[in-house]
Amino acid sequence: MIPLIFANEGEENIIKKIGGNSEIKKHLENLGFVTGGVVTVITKTAGNVIVNVKGARVAVSEEMARKIMV
């Protein structure tokens, strides 16, 4: 398992675990980040990670991306 921040661009990854407190987990879940879901890193810019999750493009901060394990 590696944090999403270290995933390669354009590569599909399966979300294995979401860390952080319950508030952070709920926030990420609302954005579509759920265990077992597929996430693809589109690009990394200025500390943010833009991903494709459940057919939608979502930008997450580096801090959040470190809590999503793939």
N, C-alpha and C. Protein backbone atom coordinates (compact mmCIF):
# COMPACT_ATOMS: atom_id res chain seq x y z
N MET A 1 0.85 -1.20 0.00
CA MET A 1 0.00 0.00 0.00
C MET A 1 0.88 1.25 0.00
N ILE A 2 0.48 2.20 -0.82
CA ILE A 2 1.17 3.49 -0.84
C ILE A 2 0.13 4.60 -0.79
N PRO A 3 0.51 5.77 -0.27
CA PRO A 3 -0.42 6.91 -0.30
C PRO A 3 -0.68 7.33 -1.74
N LEU A 4 -1.87 7.81 -2.01
CA LEU A 4 -2.27 8.24 -3.35
C LEU A 4 -1.29 9.26 -3.93
N ILE A 5 -0.70 10.09 -3.09
CA ILE A 5 0.22 11.12 -3.55
C ILE A 5 1.40 10.52 -4.34
N PHE A 6 1.73 9.25 -4.06
CA PHE A 6 2.87 8.60 -4.73
C PHE A 6 2.45 7.72 -5.91
N ALA A 7 1.16 7.67 -6.21
CA ALA A 7 0.67 6.85 -7.33
C ALA A 7 1.08 7.51 -8.65
N ASN A 8 1.30 6.70 -9.66
CA ASN A 8 1.69 7.21 -10.98
C ASN A 8 0.49 7.82 -11.70
N GLU A 9 0.77 8.89 -12.44
CA GLU A 9 -0.28 9.54 -13.23
C GLU A 9 -0.78 8.59 -14.31
N GLY A 10 -2.09 8.56 -14.51
CA GLY A 10 -2.68 7.76 -15.56
C GLY A 10 -2.88 6.29 -15.21
N GLU A 11 -2.48 5.90 -14.03
CA GLU A 11 -2.59 4.50 -13.61
C GLU A 11 -3.81 4.31 -12.71
N GLU A 12 -4.61 3.27 -13.01
CA GLU A 12 -5.76 2.97 -12.16
C GLU A 12 -5.30 2.32 -10.87
N ASN A 13 -5.85 2.76 -9.76
CA ASN A 13 -5.51 2.21 -8.46
C ASN A 13 -6.79 1.86 -7.70
N ILE A 14 -6.70 0.82 -6.88
CA ILE A 14 -7.83 0.44 -6.03
C ILE A 14 -7.59 1.06 -4.65
N ILE A 15 -8.60 1.73 -4.12
CA ILE A 15 -8.49 2.33 -2.79
C ILE A 15 -8.54 1.19 -1.76
N LYS A 16 -7.48 1.07 -0.97
CA LYS A 16 -7.40 -0.02 0.01
C LYS A 16 -7.78 0.43 1.42
N LYS A 17 -7.48 1.71 1.73
CA LYS A 17 -7.75 2.18 3.09
C LYS A 17 -7.79 3.70 3.07
N ILE A 18 -8.64 4.25 3.92
CA ILE A 18 -8.71 5.71 4.06
C ILE A 18 -8.41 6.04 5.51
N GLY A 19 -7.39 6.85 5.72
CA GLY A 19 -6.98 7.22 7.08
C GLY A 19 -7.59 8.54 7.51
N GLY A 20 -7.20 8.97 8.69
CA GLY A 20 -7.68 10.24 9.21
C GLY A 20 -8.83 10.04 10.18
N ASN A 21 -9.29 11.15 10.76
CA ASN A 21 -10.40 11.07 11.71
C ASN A 21 -11.72 10.86 10.98
N SER A 22 -12.78 10.65 11.72
CA SER A 22 -14.07 10.33 11.12
C SER A 22 -14.57 11.46 10.22
N GLU A 23 -14.25 12.70 10.56
CA GLU A 23 -14.67 13.85 9.76
C GLU A 23 -14.00 13.82 8.38
N ILE A 24 -12.70 13.54 8.37
CA ILE A 24 -11.94 13.47 7.11
C ILE A 24 -12.43 12.28 6.28
N LYS A 25 -12.64 11.14 6.92
CA LYS A 25 -13.12 9.95 6.21
C LYS A 25 -14.47 10.23 5.56
N LYS A 26 -15.35 10.89 6.29
CA LYS A 26 -16.69 11.20 5.78
C LYS A 26 -16.59 12.16 4.59
N HIS A 27 -15.73 13.16 4.71
CA HIS A 27 -15.53 14.13 3.63
C HIS A 27 -15.04 13.43 2.36
N LEU A 28 -14.04 12.56 2.50
CA LEU A 28 -13.50 11.85 1.35
C LEU A 28 -14.54 10.89 0.77
N GLU A 29 -15.32 10.26 1.65
CA GLU A 29 -16.38 9.35 1.20
C GLU A 29 -17.41 10.12 0.36
N ASN A 30 -17.75 11.33 0.80
CA ASN A 30 -18.70 12.16 0.06
C ASN A 30 -18.17 12.56 -1.31
N LEU A 31 -16.85 12.62 -1.45
CA LEU A 31 -16.23 12.96 -2.73
C LEU A 31 -16.14 11.73 -3.64
N GLY A 32 -16.41 10.55 -3.08
CA GLY A 32 -16.38 9.33 -3.89
C GLY A 32 -15.24 8.39 -3.57
N PHE A 33 -14.42 8.75 -2.57
CA PHE A 33 -13.30 7.89 -2.18
C PHE A 33 -13.78 6.86 -1.18
N VAL A 34 -14.03 5.64 -1.65
CA VAL A 34 -14.49 4.56 -0.78
C VAL A 34 -13.58 3.36 -0.97
N THR A 35 -13.38 2.59 0.09
CA THR A 35 -12.55 1.40 0.03
C THR A 35 -13.07 0.46 -1.05
N GLY A 36 -12.17 0.01 -1.90
CA GLY A 36 -12.54 -0.86 -3.00
C GLY A 36 -12.82 -0.11 -4.29
N GLY A 37 -12.95 1.21 -4.20
CA GLY A 37 -13.21 2.02 -5.38
C GLY A 37 -11.96 2.21 -6.23
N VAL A 38 -12.16 2.60 -7.48
CA VAL A 38 -11.05 2.82 -8.41
C VAL A 38 -10.78 4.32 -8.49
N VAL A 39 -9.50 4.68 -8.41
CA VAL A 39 -9.10 6.08 -8.52
C VAL A 39 -7.91 6.17 -9.47
N THR A 40 -7.93 7.17 -10.35
CA THR A 40 -6.84 7.39 -11.30
C THR A 40 -6.30 8.79 -11.10
N VAL A 41 -4.98 8.92 -10.90
CA VAL A 41 -4.35 10.23 -10.78
C VAL A 41 -4.23 10.83 -12.17
N ILE A 42 -4.78 12.03 -12.35
CA ILE A 42 -4.71 12.71 -13.64
C ILE A 42 -3.45 13.57 -13.69
N THR A 43 -3.28 14.39 -12.66
CA THR A 43 -2.10 15.24 -12.60
C THR A 43 -1.83 15.69 -11.17
N LYS A 44 -0.60 16.10 -10.93
CA LYS A 44 -0.21 16.64 -9.62
C LYS A 44 0.33 18.04 -9.87
N THR A 45 -0.28 19.04 -9.24
CA THR A 45 0.17 20.42 -9.42
C THR A 45 0.14 21.18 -8.11
N ALA A 46 1.21 21.88 -7.84
CA ALA A 46 1.29 22.79 -6.69
C ALA A 46 0.75 22.18 -5.40
N GLY A 47 1.12 20.94 -5.14
CA GLY A 47 0.70 20.31 -3.89
C GLY A 47 -0.68 19.69 -3.94
N ASN A 48 -1.43 19.91 -5.02
CA ASN A 48 -2.75 19.30 -5.15
C ASN A 48 -2.67 18.12 -6.11
N VAL A 49 -3.59 17.18 -5.93
CA VAL A 49 -3.66 16.03 -6.80
C VAL A 49 -5.04 16.04 -7.45
N ILE A 50 -5.07 15.98 -8.77
CA ILE A 50 -6.35 15.91 -9.48
C ILE A 50 -6.53 14.46 -9.90
N VAL A 51 -7.66 13.89 -9.48
CA VAL A 51 -7.92 12.47 -9.74
C VAL A 51 -9.27 12.29 -10.42
N ASN A 52 -9.44 11.12 -10.99
CA ASN A 52 -10.72 10.73 -11.54
C ASN A 52 -11.24 9.63 -10.62
N VAL A 53 -12.37 9.89 -9.99
CA VAL A 53 -12.96 8.90 -9.09
C VAL A 53 -14.45 8.84 -9.38
N LYS A 54 -14.97 7.66 -9.62
CA LYS A 54 -16.39 7.46 -9.96
C LYS A 54 -16.83 8.35 -11.11
N GLY A 55 -15.98 8.48 -12.12
CA GLY A 55 -16.34 9.24 -13.31
C GLY A 55 -16.29 10.75 -13.17
N ALA A 56 -15.81 11.25 -12.04
CA ALA A 56 -15.74 12.69 -11.82
C ALA A 56 -14.30 13.10 -11.51
N ARG A 57 -13.95 14.30 -11.97
CA ARG A 57 -12.62 14.83 -11.64
C ARG A 57 -12.72 15.55 -10.30
N VAL A 58 -11.80 15.20 -9.42
CA VAL A 58 -11.80 15.79 -8.08
C VAL A 58 -10.38 16.22 -7.74
N ALA A 59 -10.24 17.40 -7.16
CA ALA A 59 -8.93 17.87 -6.69
C ALA A 59 -8.87 17.69 -5.18
N VAL A 60 -7.79 17.07 -4.73
CA VAL A 60 -7.58 16.91 -3.28
C VAL A 60 -6.21 17.46 -2.93
N SER A 61 -6.09 17.96 -1.71
CA SER A 61 -4.81 18.50 -1.26
C SER A 61 -3.82 17.35 -1.05
N GLU A 62 -2.55 17.69 -1.01
CA GLU A 62 -1.52 16.68 -0.77
C GLU A 62 -1.77 15.99 0.58
N GLU A 63 -2.19 16.77 1.56
CA GLU A 63 -2.47 16.23 2.89
C GLU A 63 -3.57 15.14 2.83
N MET A 64 -4.64 15.42 2.08
CA MET A 64 -5.72 14.45 1.92
C MET A 64 -5.24 13.24 1.13
N ALA A 65 -4.45 13.49 0.08
CA ALA A 65 -3.96 12.40 -0.77
C ALA A 65 -3.07 11.45 0.01
N ARG A 66 -2.43 11.94 1.05
CA ARG A 66 -1.57 11.09 1.89
C ARG A 66 -2.42 10.15 2.77
N LYS A 67 -3.68 10.48 2.98
CA LYS A 67 -4.56 9.67 3.83
C LYS A 67 -5.27 8.57 3.03
N ILE A 68 -5.20 8.66 1.69
CA ILE A 68 -5.85 7.65 0.84
C ILE A 68 -4.80 6.64 0.41
N MET A 69 -4.93 5.42 0.88
CA MET A 69 -3.97 4.38 0.57
C MET A 69 -4.46 3.52 -0.59
N VAL A 70 -3.57 3.30 -1.57
CA VAL A 70 -3.92 2.50 -2.74
C VAL A 70 -2.98 1.32 -2.90
